[in-house]
Amino acid sequence: IDERSYYLVKVPTDFASLKDWPWIKAIGYAVRITQHADGTESDEVRYYLSSHYLSGKRFGEAVRGHWSIESMHWVLDVNFREDEHRTRERTLGNNLSWLRRFAVTLLKRHPDKDSLRGKMMSCMINTDYLTQVLSLQRV
């Protein structure tokens, strides 16, 4: 069970780093408390600098939106090693990036309870499984 809280305050006028970072309008943090099935509890705090002062609800939406994008980038980098690709031609790079994101979507939509990496390996080994993933059907 996850419980999340978000806090955001306006930057005070006497904030020491304001001269170095004049764009900062608010400072916030997100707290995530997780109760695990074994009864243990863990917490995590993340801090944010913002160029806009938002309502608490909007700040929470922005944080969750940021991490959903970061999550996709992490998947692309870990599973597809996207950061290692050195395509110089812009159109080709954009097309390959789109294909990788499309592949992630297809793999996530396949109903098997396996990791993305496991599904990729299954596609590589078994053409019937690849057909299932590409057609979004279970054979």
C-alpha atoms as a PDB file:
ATOM      1  CA  ILE A   1       0.000   0.000   0.000  1.00  0.00           C
ATOM      2  CA  ASP A   2       1.430   3.360  -1.033  1.00  0.00           C
ATOM      3  CA  GLU A   3       0.560   6.681   0.535  1.00  0.00           C
ATOM      4  CA  ARG A   4       1.878   9.804  -1.172  1.00  0.00           C
ATOM      5  CA  SER A   5       1.931  13.399   0.030  1.00  0.00           C
ATOM      6  CA  TYR A   6       3.090  16.504  -1.788  1.00  0.00           C
ATOM      7  CA  TYR A   7       4.180  19.819  -0.289  1.00  0.00           C
ATOM      8  CA  LEU A   8       5.088  23.023  -2.106  1.00  0.00           C
ATOM      9  CA  VAL A   9       6.027  26.460  -0.718  1.00  0.00           C
ATOM     10  CA  LYS A  10       6.896  29.758  -2.359  1.00  0.00           C
ATOM     11  CA  VAL A  11      10.571  30.667  -2.304  1.00  0.00           C
ATOM     12  CA  PRO A  12      11.209  33.260   0.417  1.00  0.00           C
ATOM     13  CA  THR A  13      12.618  36.606  -0.729  1.00  0.00           C
ATOM     14  CA  ASP A  14      15.735  36.070   1.399  1.00  0.00           C
ATOM     15  CA  PHE A  15      16.477  32.634  -0.119  1.00  0.00           C
ATOM     16  CA  ALA A  16      20.300  32.422  -0.279  1.00  0.00           C
ATOM     17  CA  SER A  17      20.520  30.834  -3.748  1.00  0.00           C
ATOM     18  CA  LEU A  18      17.968  33.108  -5.407  1.00  0.00           C
ATOM     19  CA  LYS A  19      20.695  35.209  -7.055  1.00  0.00           C
ATOM     20  CA  ASP A  20      22.197  32.049  -8.611  1.00  0.00           C
ATOM     21  CA  TRP A  21      18.829  30.547  -9.603  1.00  0.00           C
ATOM     22  CA  PRO A  22      16.436  33.449 -10.235  1.00  0.00           C
ATOM     23  CA  TRP A  23      13.971  31.178 -12.063  1.00  0.00           C
ATOM     24  CA  ILE A  24      13.047  29.273  -8.872  1.00  0.00           C
ATOM     25  CA  LYS A  25       9.569  30.253  -7.670  1.00  0.00           C
ATOM     26  CA  ALA A  26       8.805  27.314  -5.362  1.00  0.00           C
ATOM     27  CA  ILE A  27      10.437  24.462  -3.479  1.00  0.00           C
ATOM     28  CA  GLY A  28       8.601  21.220  -2.914  1.00  0.00           C
ATOM     29  CA  TYR A  29       8.943  17.668  -1.814  1.00  0.00           C
ATOM     30  CA  ALA A  30       7.081  14.429  -2.284  1.00  0.00           C
ATOM     31  CA  VAL A  31       6.820  11.794   0.434  1.00  0.00           C
ATOM     32  CA  ARG A  32       5.990   8.185  -0.364  1.00  0.00           C
ATOM     33  CA  ILE A  33       5.262   5.760   2.486  1.00  0.00           C
ATOM     34  CA  THR A  34       4.938   2.110   1.498  1.00  0.00           C
ATOM     35  CA  GLN A  35       3.457  -0.615   3.681  1.00  0.00           C
ATOM     36  CA  HIS A  36       4.768  -3.967   2.480  1.00  0.00           C
ATOM     37  CA  ALA A  37       2.907  -7.286   2.678  1.00  0.00           C
ATOM     38  CA  ASP A  38       5.235  -8.513   5.444  1.00  0.00           C
ATOM     39  CA  GLY A  39       4.191  -5.592   7.675  1.00  0.00           C
ATOM     40  CA  THR A  40       7.341  -3.516   7.217  1.00  0.00           C
ATOM     41  CA  GLU A  41       7.192   0.093   6.183  1.00  0.00           C
ATOM     42  CA  SER A  42       9.555   2.166   4.061  1.00  0.00           C
ATOM     43  CA  ASP A  43       9.580   5.811   3.102  1.00  0.00           C
ATOM     44  CA  GLU A  44      11.123   7.919   0.372  1.00  0.00           C
ATOM     45  CA  VAL A  45      11.433  11.698   0.057  1.00  0.00           C
ATOM     46  CA  ARG A  46      12.191  13.582  -3.164  1.00  0.00           C
ATOM     47  CA  TYR A  47      12.865  17.306  -3.400  1.00  0.00           C
ATOM     48  CA  TYR A  48      11.943  19.587  -6.299  1.00  0.00           C
ATOM     49  CA  LEU A  49      12.701  23.099  -7.504  1.00  0.00           C
ATOM     50  CA  SER A  50       9.943  24.670  -9.555  1.00  0.00           C
ATOM     51  CA  SER A  51       9.749  27.656 -11.863  1.00  0.00           C
ATOM     52  CA  HIS A  52       6.030  27.990 -11.032  1.00  0.00           C
ATOM     53  CA  TYR A  53       4.068  28.015  -7.814  1.00  0.00           C
ATOM     54  CA  LEU A  54       1.278  25.443  -8.218  1.00  0.00           C
ATOM     55  CA  SER A  55      -1.568  24.152  -6.106  1.00  0.00           C
ATOM     56  CA  GLY A  56      -0.832  20.968  -4.155  1.00  0.00           C
ATOM     57  CA  LYS A  57      -2.970  18.928  -6.535  1.00  0.00           C
ATOM     58  CA  ARG A  58      -1.221  20.298  -9.644  1.00  0.00           C
ATOM     59  CA  PHE A  59       2.200  19.805  -8.043  1.00  0.00           C
ATOM     60  CA  GLY A  60       1.346  16.138  -7.352  1.00  0.00           C
ATOM     61  CA  GLU A  61       0.197  15.675 -10.949  1.00  0.00           C
ATOM     62  CA  ALA A  62       3.402  17.264 -12.249  1.00  0.00           C
ATOM     63  CA  VAL A  63       5.575  14.998 -10.079  1.00  0.00           C
ATOM     64  CA  ARG A  64       3.709  11.847 -11.136  1.00  0.00           C
ATOM     65  CA  GLY A  65       3.852  12.954 -14.792  1.00  0.00           C
ATOM     66  CA  HIS A  66       7.587  13.559 -14.537  1.00  0.00           C
ATOM     67  CA  TRP A  67       8.241  10.100 -13.106  1.00  0.00           C
ATOM     68  CA  SER A  68       6.061   8.361 -15.698  1.00  0.00           C
ATOM     69  CA  ILE A  69       8.213   9.955 -18.413  1.00  0.00           C
ATOM     70  CA  GLU A  70      11.416   9.070 -16.533  1.00  0.00           C
ATOM     71  CA  SER A  71      10.144   5.511 -16.183  1.00  0.00           C
ATOM     72  CA  MET A  72       9.737   5.200 -19.962  1.00  0.00           C
ATOM     73  CA  HIS A  73      13.238   6.628 -20.537  1.00  0.00           C
ATOM     74  CA  TRP A  74      14.656   4.137 -18.029  1.00  0.00           C
ATOM     75  CA  VAL A  75      12.937   1.227 -19.807  1.00  0.00           C
ATOM     76  CA  LEU A  76      14.245   2.399 -23.172  1.00  0.00           C
ATOM     77  CA  ASP A  77      17.760   2.830 -21.845  1.00  0.00           C
ATOM     78  CA  VAL A  78      17.948  -0.437 -19.890  1.00  0.00           C
ATOM     79  CA  ASN A  79      16.094  -2.769 -22.256  1.00  0.00           C
ATOM     80  CA  PHE A  80      16.946  -1.189 -25.602  1.00  0.00           C
ATOM     81  CA  ARG A  81      20.211   0.556 -24.608  1.00  0.00           C
ATOM     82  CA  GLU A  82      18.889   3.665 -26.329  1.00  0.00           C
ATOM     83  CA  ASP A  83      21.577   5.975 -24.908  1.00  0.00           C
ATOM     84  CA  GLU A  84      24.243   3.920 -26.670  1.00  0.00           C
ATOM     85  CA  HIS A  85      22.732   4.443 -30.135  1.00  0.00           C
ATOM     86  CA  ARG A  86      24.708   6.943 -32.161  1.00  0.00           C
ATOM     87  CA  THR A  87      22.432   7.556 -35.120  1.00  0.00           C
ATOM     88  CA  ARG A  88      23.527  10.859 -36.650  1.00  0.00           C
ATOM     89  CA  GLU A  89      20.728  11.332 -39.167  1.00  0.00           C
ATOM     90  CA  ARG A  90      17.818  13.048 -37.382  1.00  0.00           C
ATOM     91  CA  THR A  91      14.895  11.447 -39.251  1.00  0.00           C
ATOM     92  CA  LEU A  92      16.330   7.954 -38.846  1.00  0.00           C
ATOM     93  CA  GLY A  93      16.976   8.580 -35.134  1.00  0.00           C
ATOM     94  CA  ASN A  94      13.385   9.769 -34.634  1.00  0.00           C
ATOM     95  CA  ASN A  95      12.009   6.747 -36.508  1.00  0.00           C
ATOM     96  CA  LEU A  96      14.107   4.287 -34.477  1.00  0.00           C
ATOM     97  CA  SER A  97      13.071   5.992 -31.237  1.00  0.00           C
ATOM     98  CA  TRP A  98       9.399   5.738 -32.250  1.00  0.00           C
ATOM     99  CA  LEU A  99       9.848   2.026 -33.079  1.00  0.00           C
ATOM    100  CA  ARG A 100      11.409   1.346 -29.676  1.00  0.00           C
ATOM    101  CA  ARG A 101       8.533   3.106 -27.855  1.00  0.00           C
ATOM    102  CA  PHE A 102       6.044   1.169 -29.998  1.00  0.00           C
ATOM    103  CA  ALA A 103       7.802  -2.112 -29.112  1.00  0.00           C
ATOM    104  CA  VAL A 104       7.595  -1.263 -25.389  1.00  0.00           C
ATOM    105  CA  THR A 105       3.852  -0.631 -25.759  1.00  0.00           C
ATOM    106  CA  LEU A 106       3.292  -3.953 -27.546  1.00  0.00           C
ATOM    107  CA  LEU A 107       5.352  -5.873 -24.990  1.00  0.00           C
ATOM    108  CA  LYS A 108       3.550  -4.249 -22.044  1.00  0.00           C
ATOM    109  CA  ARG A 109       0.142  -5.045 -23.547  1.00  0.00           C
ATOM    110  CA  HIS A 110       0.921  -8.757 -23.924  1.00  0.00           C
ATOM    111  CA  PRO A 111      -0.892 -10.586 -21.098  1.00  0.00           C
ATOM    112  CA  ASP A 112       2.022 -12.784 -19.941  1.00  0.00           C
ATOM    113  CA  LYS A 113       3.241 -12.034 -16.424  1.00  0.00           C
ATOM    114  CA  ASP A 114       6.884 -11.749 -17.423  1.00  0.00           C
ATOM    115  CA  SER A 115       9.290  -8.817 -17.365  1.00  0.00           C
ATOM    116  CA  LEU A 116       9.818  -6.704 -20.458  1.00  0.00           C
ATOM    117  CA  ARG A 117      13.272  -8.240 -20.842  1.00  0.00           C
ATOM    118  CA  GLY A 118      11.771 -11.742 -20.530  1.00  0.00           C
ATOM    119  CA  LYS A 119       9.163 -10.972 -23.177  1.00  0.00           C
ATOM    120  CA  MET A 120      11.873  -9.585 -25.481  1.00  0.00           C
ATOM    121  CA  MET A 121      13.903 -12.772 -25.061  1.00  0.00           C
ATOM    122  CA  SER A 122      10.820 -14.908 -25.738  1.00  0.00           C
ATOM    123  CA  CYS A 123      10.184 -12.954 -28.959  1.00  0.00           C
ATOM    124  CA  MET A 124      13.783 -13.522 -30.011  1.00  0.00           C
ATOM    125  CA  ILE A 125      13.641 -17.277 -29.355  1.00  0.00           C
ATOM    126  CA  ASN A 126      10.101 -18.140 -30.404  1.00  0.00           C
ATOM    127  CA  THR A 127       8.501 -16.729 -33.572  1.00  0.00           C
ATOM    128  CA  ASP A 128       5.040 -17.853 -32.415  1.00  0.00           C
ATOM    129  CA  TYR A 129       5.437 -15.705 -29.308  1.00  0.00           C
ATOM    130  CA  LEU A 130       6.637 -12.807 -31.490  1.00  0.00           C
ATOM    131  CA  THR A 131       3.489 -13.207 -33.617  1.00  0.00           C
ATOM    132  CA  GLN A 132       1.367 -13.077 -30.448  1.00  0.00           C
ATOM    133  CA  VAL A 133       3.021  -9.853 -29.326  1.00  0.00           C
ATOM    134  CA  LEU A 134       2.743  -8.215 -32.742  1.00  0.00           C
ATOM    135  CA  SER A 135      -0.897  -9.216 -33.222  1.00  0.00           C
ATOM    136  CA  LEU A 136      -1.897  -8.587 -29.579  1.00  0.00           C
ATOM    137  CA  GLN A 137      -3.391 -12.083 -29.386  1.00  0.00           C
ATOM    138  CA  ARG A 138      -2.666 -15.239 -27.474  1.00  0.00           C
ATOM    139  CA  VAL A 139      -2.245 -18.243 -29.732  1.00  0.00           C
END
